[in-house]
Amino acid sequence: DVDRVRDPAVAALLGLPSEDVLVFRRREAFIDEQVVQFQEAWYPLDVAETADLDREGKIEGGVYRALLDAGIPAVTADERVGARMPTKEEADQLGIGSSTPVLTIERISRWADGRPIEVLRVVAAGDRMDLAYEALPLPIGRRSA
């Protein structure tokens, strides 16, 4: 699904005024015809139009390829992973019981100049998902606060 929406909370995460129109994309991921996760993503209107993310249908090669091809590659991201019990709607959509936890992911991707260009939220069935982060580059000589 693709739509144009106003969402003040997401606009703030994208560094935009609360009244700005955003492009909202929603998709589901399946394994053996069972939904195992759904993703919701928001983009600034100008970014979505430039990368052709404001059209219906699957983005061939993926969103990050479309952003790269449009000259606005996502080069950094902040990601938060959590777990919680599902809402009734989430449990129904994922085909899980109310006692099966879901994994949640929120990622804010940024362009080279630091501008946020995507807010992505994922909800996944906790009994069927595994998050694996491999070969991540680590900052050398950087101190954390």
C-alpha atoms as a PDB file:
ATOM      1  CA  ASP A   1       0.000   0.000   0.000  1.00  0.00           C
ATOM      2  CA  VAL A   2       1.148   3.549  -0.726  1.00  0.00           C
ATOM      3  CA  ASP A   3      -0.532   6.693   0.529  1.00  0.00           C
ATOM      4  CA  ARG A   4       0.116  10.342   1.292  1.00  0.00           C
ATOM      5  CA  VAL A   5      -0.420  11.101   4.973  1.00  0.00           C
ATOM      6  CA  ARG A   6       0.146  13.679   7.664  1.00  0.00           C
ATOM      7  CA  ASP A   7       1.681  12.274  10.842  1.00  0.00           C
ATOM      8  CA  PRO A   8       3.153  14.913  13.147  1.00  0.00           C
ATOM      9  CA  ALA A   9       5.120  12.399  15.260  1.00  0.00           C
ATOM     10  CA  VAL A  10       6.801  10.804  12.235  1.00  0.00           C
ATOM     11  CA  ALA A  11       7.344  14.192  10.599  1.00  0.00           C
ATOM     12  CA  ALA A  12       9.271  15.228  13.731  1.00  0.00           C
ATOM     13  CA  LEU A  13      11.504  12.125  13.389  1.00  0.00           C
ATOM     14  CA  LEU A  14      12.170  13.182   9.795  1.00  0.00           C
ATOM     15  CA  GLY A  15      12.996  16.728  10.926  1.00  0.00           C
ATOM     16  CA  LEU A  16       9.966  18.155   9.119  1.00  0.00           C
ATOM     17  CA  PRO A  17       7.150  20.496  10.171  1.00  0.00           C
ATOM     18  CA  SER A  18       4.179  18.599  11.634  1.00  0.00           C
ATOM     19  CA  GLU A  19       1.883  19.602   8.775  1.00  0.00           C
ATOM     20  CA  ASP A  20       4.139  18.245   5.993  1.00  0.00           C
ATOM     21  CA  VAL A  21       2.748  15.506   3.765  1.00  0.00           C
ATOM     22  CA  LEU A  22       4.675  12.226   3.919  1.00  0.00           C
ATOM     23  CA  VAL A  23       4.629   9.231   1.639  1.00  0.00           C
ATOM     24  CA  PHE A  24       3.631   6.114   3.570  1.00  0.00           C
ATOM     25  CA  ARG A  25       4.390   2.603   2.303  1.00  0.00           C
ATOM     26  CA  ARG A  26       3.203  -0.618   3.935  1.00  0.00           C
ATOM     27  CA  ARG A  27       4.168  -4.163   3.036  1.00  0.00           C
ATOM     28  CA  GLU A  28       3.940  -7.662   4.423  1.00  0.00           C
ATOM     29  CA  ALA A  29       6.561 -10.417   4.327  1.00  0.00           C
ATOM     30  CA  PHE A  30       5.441 -14.029   4.007  1.00  0.00           C
ATOM     31  CA  ILE A  31       6.864 -17.483   4.644  1.00  0.00           C
ATOM     32  CA  ASP A  32       4.750 -20.315   3.229  1.00  0.00           C
ATOM     33  CA  GLU A  33       1.760 -17.997   2.732  1.00  0.00           C
ATOM     34  CA  GLN A  34       1.854 -16.888   6.383  1.00  0.00           C
ATOM     35  CA  VAL A  35       2.550 -13.250   7.266  1.00  0.00           C
ATOM     36  CA  VAL A  36       5.671 -13.204   9.468  1.00  0.00           C
ATOM     37  CA  GLN A  37       6.220  -9.458   9.554  1.00  0.00           C
ATOM     38  CA  PHE A  38       4.816  -6.205   8.325  1.00  0.00           C
ATOM     39  CA  GLN A  39       6.687  -3.028   7.615  1.00  0.00           C
ATOM     40  CA  GLU A  40       5.541   0.563   7.605  1.00  0.00           C
ATOM     41  CA  ALA A  41       7.792   3.254   6.156  1.00  0.00           C
ATOM     42  CA  TRP A  42       7.465   7.020   5.802  1.00  0.00           C
ATOM     43  CA  TYR A  43       9.444   9.310   3.467  1.00  0.00           C
ATOM     44  CA  PRO A  44       9.573  13.069   2.959  1.00  0.00           C
ATOM     45  CA  LEU A  45       7.453  13.870  -0.097  1.00  0.00           C
ATOM     46  CA  ASP A  46      10.360  15.293  -2.106  1.00  0.00           C
ATOM     47  CA  VAL A  47      12.515  12.212  -1.419  1.00  0.00           C
ATOM     48  CA  ALA A  48       9.698   9.822  -2.346  1.00  0.00           C
ATOM     49  CA  GLU A  49       8.915  11.657  -5.582  1.00  0.00           C
ATOM     50  CA  THR A  50      12.586  11.842  -6.613  1.00  0.00           C
ATOM     51  CA  ALA A  51      13.155   8.117  -5.940  1.00  0.00           C
ATOM     52  CA  ASP A  52       9.750   7.088  -7.367  1.00  0.00           C
ATOM     53  CA  LEU A  53       8.664   5.670  -3.998  1.00  0.00           C
ATOM     54  CA  ASP A  54       5.275   7.363  -4.235  1.00  0.00           C
ATOM     55  CA  ARG A  55       3.893   4.854  -6.727  1.00  0.00           C
ATOM     56  CA  GLU A  56       1.915   1.695  -6.032  1.00  0.00           C
ATOM     57  CA  GLY A  57       3.562  -1.694  -6.291  1.00  0.00           C
ATOM     58  CA  LYS A  58       6.797  -3.367  -5.424  1.00  0.00           C
ATOM     59  CA  ILE A  59      10.000  -1.345  -5.747  1.00  0.00           C
ATOM     60  CA  GLU A  60      12.193  -3.528  -7.942  1.00  0.00           C
ATOM     61  CA  GLY A  61      15.630  -3.816  -6.389  1.00  0.00           C
ATOM     62  CA  GLY A  62      14.322  -2.401  -3.111  1.00  0.00           C
ATOM     63  CA  VAL A  63      13.901   1.035  -1.600  1.00  0.00           C
ATOM     64  CA  TYR A  64      17.598   1.558  -0.867  1.00  0.00           C
ATOM     65  CA  ARG A  65      18.496   0.823  -4.508  1.00  0.00           C
ATOM     66  CA  ALA A  66      15.842   3.340  -5.632  1.00  0.00           C
ATOM     67  CA  LEU A  67      17.252   5.952  -3.254  1.00  0.00           C
ATOM     68  CA  LEU A  68      20.800   5.259  -4.489  1.00  0.00           C
ATOM     69  CA  ASP A  69      19.738   5.465  -8.143  1.00  0.00           C
ATOM     70  CA  ALA A  70      17.996   8.783  -7.396  1.00  0.00           C
ATOM     71  CA  GLY A  71      21.209  10.212  -5.904  1.00  0.00           C
ATOM     72  CA  ILE A  72      19.969  10.191  -2.301  1.00  0.00           C
ATOM     73  CA  PRO A  73      21.527   7.070  -0.811  1.00  0.00           C
ATOM     74  CA  ALA A  74      20.889   6.180   2.794  1.00  0.00           C
ATOM     75  CA  VAL A  75      24.364   6.110   4.336  1.00  0.00           C
ATOM     76  CA  THR A  76      23.699   5.890   8.077  1.00  0.00           C
ATOM     77  CA  ALA A  77      20.900   4.594  10.227  1.00  0.00           C
ATOM     78  CA  ASP A  78      19.872   4.458  13.852  1.00  0.00           C
ATOM     79  CA  GLU A  79      18.024   1.271  14.717  1.00  0.00           C
ATOM     80  CA  ARG A  80      16.198   0.225  17.854  1.00  0.00           C
ATOM     81  CA  VAL A  81      15.057  -3.390  18.363  1.00  0.00           C
ATOM     82  CA  GLY A  82      12.610  -4.424  21.048  1.00  0.00           C
ATOM     83  CA  ALA A  83      10.117  -7.087  22.026  1.00  0.00           C
ATOM     84  CA  ARG A  84       6.620  -6.815  23.433  1.00  0.00           C
ATOM     85  CA  MET A  85       3.288  -8.541  23.462  1.00  0.00           C
ATOM     86  CA  PRO A  86       1.217  -7.987  20.300  1.00  0.00           C
ATOM     87  CA  THR A  87      -1.937  -5.954  20.009  1.00  0.00           C
ATOM     88  CA  LYS A  88      -5.014  -7.962  19.038  1.00  0.00           C
ATOM     89  CA  GLU A  89      -4.783  -6.598  15.488  1.00  0.00           C
ATOM     90  CA  GLU A  90      -1.095  -7.558  15.194  1.00  0.00           C
ATOM     91  CA  ALA A  91      -1.722 -11.063  16.564  1.00  0.00           C
ATOM     92  CA  ASP A  92      -4.571 -11.550  14.079  1.00  0.00           C
ATOM     93  CA  GLN A  93      -2.519 -10.280  11.155  1.00  0.00           C
ATOM     94  CA  LEU A  94       0.504 -12.426  12.061  1.00  0.00           C
ATOM     95  CA  GLY A  95      -1.595 -15.476  12.908  1.00  0.00           C
ATOM     96  CA  ILE A  96      -0.146 -15.764  16.400  1.00  0.00           C
ATOM     97  CA  GLY A  97      -1.711 -15.994  19.813  1.00  0.00           C
ATOM     98  CA  SER A  98      -1.833 -13.095  22.204  1.00  0.00           C
ATOM     99  CA  SER A  99       0.870 -14.745  24.342  1.00  0.00           C
ATOM    100  CA  THR A 100       3.480 -14.865  21.550  1.00  0.00           C
ATOM    101  CA  PRO A 101       5.800 -11.831  21.682  1.00  0.00           C
ATOM    102  CA  VAL A 102       6.559  -9.716  18.636  1.00  0.00           C
ATOM    103  CA  LEU A 103       9.868  -8.162  17.706  1.00  0.00           C
ATOM    104  CA  THR A 104       9.771  -4.467  16.907  1.00  0.00           C
ATOM    105  CA  ILE A 105      12.291  -2.523  14.896  1.00  0.00           C
ATOM    106  CA  GLU A 106      12.436   1.205  14.296  1.00  0.00           C
ATOM    107  CA  ARG A 107      15.089   2.499  11.920  1.00  0.00           C
ATOM    108  CA  ILE A 108      15.746   6.082  10.898  1.00  0.00           C
ATOM    109  CA  SER A 109      17.924   6.218   7.780  1.00  0.00           C
ATOM    110  CA  ARG A 110      19.886   9.311   6.817  1.00  0.00           C
ATOM    111  CA  TRP A 111      21.467  10.770   3.727  1.00  0.00           C
ATOM    112  CA  ALA A 112      25.159  11.771   3.681  1.00  0.00           C
ATOM    113  CA  ASP A 113      24.364  15.272   4.982  1.00  0.00           C
ATOM    114  CA  GLY A 114      22.576  13.783   8.010  1.00  0.00           C
ATOM    115  CA  ARG A 115      19.061  14.496   6.734  1.00  0.00           C
ATOM    116  CA  PRO A 116      16.571  11.794   7.777  1.00  0.00           C
ATOM    117  CA  ILE A 117      15.062  10.262   4.624  1.00  0.00           C
ATOM    118  CA  GLU A 118      13.167   7.242   5.991  1.00  0.00           C
ATOM    119  CA  VAL A 119      11.427   6.080   9.138  1.00  0.00           C
ATOM    120  CA  LEU A 120      10.844   2.322   9.025  1.00  0.00           C
ATOM    121  CA  ARG A 121       8.874   0.340  11.603  1.00  0.00           C
ATOM    122  CA  VAL A 122       8.696  -3.440  11.566  1.00  0.00           C
ATOM    123  CA  VAL A 123       6.557  -5.774  13.649  1.00  0.00           C
ATOM    124  CA  ALA A 124       7.476  -9.465  13.366  1.00  0.00           C
ATOM    125  CA  ALA A 125       6.264 -12.698  14.911  1.00  0.00           C
ATOM    126  CA  GLY A 126       8.803 -13.420  17.654  1.00  0.00           C
ATOM    127  CA  ASP A 127       8.528 -17.184  17.240  1.00  0.00           C
ATOM    128  CA  ARG A 128       9.503 -17.097  13.556  1.00  0.00           C
ATOM    129  CA  MET A 129      12.092 -14.355  13.255  1.00  0.00           C
ATOM    130  CA  ASP A 130      15.792 -14.150  13.921  1.00  0.00           C
ATOM    131  CA  LEU A 131      17.743 -10.925  13.618  1.00  0.00           C
ATOM    132  CA  ALA A 132      21.329 -11.411  12.434  1.00  0.00           C
ATOM    133  CA  TYR A 133      23.776  -8.560  12.014  1.00  0.00           C
ATOM    134  CA  GLU A 134      26.972  -9.702  10.353  1.00  0.00           C
ATOM    135  CA  ALA A 135      30.201  -7.977   9.323  1.00  0.00           C
ATOM    136  CA  LEU A 136      29.115  -4.627  10.742  1.00  0.00           C
ATOM    137  CA  PRO A 137      31.823  -1.975  10.530  1.00  0.00           C
ATOM    138  CA  LEU A 138      32.925  -0.811  13.968  1.00  0.00           C
ATOM    139  CA  PRO A 139      34.239   2.692  14.616  1.00  0.00           C
ATOM    140  CA  ILE A 140      37.934   2.637  15.402  1.00  0.00           C
ATOM    141  CA  GLY A 141      39.245   4.931  18.079  1.00  0.00           C
ATOM    142  CA  ARG A 142      35.855   6.444  18.851  1.00  0.00           C
ATOM    143  CA  ARG A 143      34.837   6.787  22.454  1.00  0.00           C
ATOM    144  CA  SER A 144      31.266   6.354  23.513  1.00  0.00           C
ATOM    145  CA  ALA A 145      29.755   8.728  26.032  1.00  0.00           C
END
